[in-house]
Amino acid sequence: MSIPLAEHLTYLAYDPGITPAGGGLPGLGVLKTVVNSINLFGIVAVVGALAVSFGVWAWGHHTGGHQAEANGKKGAQVAAFAALGLGAANGIVAFFSGLGGKVQ
């Protein structure tokens, strides 16, 4: 016995009604605190990496070490983009989560 096409499409478009709910699991507050702490640690590490990269860049420039100067520039760029990613992580996830919630 075959299923008519209309019933098959209705079955495929069925909404299971699952949405993210805050407070559904025990320990959610602790998990948020841990993730916030990891993000803070990452930002502090990026500040240190940026300071070291600027130091290497300046040292390479003043001593004529072109390789050190290039590595300092690359390090500064990587640290800047890492800071951008860490700062924007929550917004990026919220954006795509909202976008995914609109898919029907």
Protein backbone atom coordinates (compact mmCIF):
# COMPACT_ATOMS: atom_id res chain seq x y z
CA MET A 1 0.00 0.00 0.00
CA SER A 2 1.48 3.32 -1.06
CA ILE A 3 1.13 6.66 0.69
CA PRO A 4 -0.44 9.42 -1.44
CA LEU A 5 1.92 12.26 -2.34
CA ALA A 6 0.03 14.87 -0.32
CA GLU A 7 0.21 12.77 2.85
CA HIS A 8 3.89 12.08 2.24
CA LEU A 9 4.64 15.84 1.93
CA THR A 10 2.59 16.56 5.04
CA TYR A 11 4.62 13.95 6.91
CA LEU A 12 7.90 15.50 5.73
CA ALA A 13 6.78 19.01 6.77
CA TYR A 14 5.73 17.87 10.24
CA ASP A 15 6.90 20.23 12.97
CA PRO A 16 8.18 18.23 15.95
CA GLY A 17 7.81 21.33 18.16
CA ILE A 18 11.34 21.24 19.57
CA THR A 19 12.80 24.62 20.54
CA PRO A 20 15.71 25.55 22.80
CA ALA A 21 14.52 26.19 26.34
CA GLY A 22 16.56 27.94 29.00
CA GLY A 23 16.78 26.22 32.36
CA GLY A 24 15.86 22.81 31.04
CA LEU A 25 18.90 21.03 32.41
CA PRO A 26 20.55 21.27 35.80
CA GLY A 27 23.94 22.94 35.71
CA LEU A 28 23.14 25.31 32.84
CA GLY A 29 24.22 28.30 34.94
CA VAL A 30 27.52 26.62 35.75
CA LEU A 31 28.09 25.81 32.07
CA LYS A 32 27.45 29.45 31.11
CA THR A 33 29.92 30.59 33.77
CA VAL A 34 32.56 28.16 32.47
CA VAL A 35 32.09 29.29 28.86
CA ASN A 36 32.23 32.96 29.89
CA SER A 37 35.45 32.26 31.79
CA ILE A 38 36.97 30.49 28.78
CA ASN A 39 36.03 33.45 26.59
CA LEU A 40 37.60 35.87 29.09
CA PHE A 41 40.76 33.74 29.25
CA GLY A 42 40.93 33.77 25.44
CA ILE A 43 40.59 37.54 25.31
CA VAL A 44 43.32 38.01 27.92
CA ALA A 45 45.58 35.63 25.97
CA VAL A 46 44.92 37.59 22.77
CA VAL A 47 45.90 40.84 24.49
CA GLY A 48 49.19 39.21 25.49
CA ALA A 49 49.73 37.80 22.00
CA LEU A 50 49.03 41.20 20.47
CA ALA A 51 51.54 42.89 22.79
CA VAL A 52 54.22 40.31 21.99
CA SER A 53 53.51 40.56 18.26
CA PHE A 54 53.82 44.34 18.31
CA GLY A 55 57.07 43.98 20.24
CA VAL A 56 58.48 41.51 17.69
CA TRP A 57 57.33 43.74 14.86
CA ALA A 58 59.06 46.80 16.37
CA TRP A 59 62.20 44.85 17.25
CA GLY A 60 62.44 43.43 13.74
CA HIS A 61 61.94 46.85 12.20
CA HIS A 62 64.58 48.56 14.30
CA THR A 63 67.19 45.79 13.98
CA GLY A 64 66.66 45.17 10.28
CA GLY A 65 65.35 41.67 10.86
CA HIS A 66 62.88 41.39 8.04
CA GLN A 67 61.74 37.89 9.04
CA ALA A 68 61.01 39.03 12.61
CA GLU A 69 59.17 42.08 11.30
CA ALA A 70 57.03 39.94 8.99
CA ASN A 71 56.29 37.46 11.79
CA GLY A 72 55.31 40.32 14.09
CA LYS A 73 52.89 41.65 11.48
CA LYS A 74 51.36 38.20 10.97
CA GLY A 75 51.04 37.69 14.71
CA ALA A 76 49.33 41.05 15.12
CA GLN A 77 46.85 40.20 12.36
CA VAL A 78 46.09 36.78 13.79
CA ALA A 79 45.62 38.23 17.28
CA ALA A 80 43.33 40.97 15.95
CA PHE A 81 41.13 38.47 14.10
CA ALA A 82 41.09 36.19 17.14
CA ALA A 83 39.86 39.10 19.25
CA LEU A 84 37.21 39.83 16.63
CA GLY A 85 36.07 36.21 16.68
CA LEU A 86 36.00 35.98 20.47
CA GLY A 87 34.08 39.21 20.81
CA ALA A 88 31.60 38.33 18.07
CA ALA A 89 31.09 34.65 18.98
CA ASN A 90 27.86 35.19 20.91
CA GLY A 91 26.41 37.42 18.19
CA ILE A 92 27.39 35.02 15.41
CA VAL A 93 25.77 32.07 17.15
CA ALA A 94 22.66 34.11 17.97
CA PHE A 95 22.40 35.31 14.36
CA PHE A 96 22.65 31.85 12.81
CA SER A 97 20.43 30.31 15.47
CA GLY A 98 17.76 32.90 14.68
CA LEU A 99 18.25 32.33 10.98
CA GLY A 100 17.93 28.58 11.44
CA GLY A 101 14.75 29.04 13.46
CA LYS A 102 13.13 30.72 10.46
CA VAL A 103 13.70 27.75 8.13
CA GLN A 104 10.43 26.03 7.35
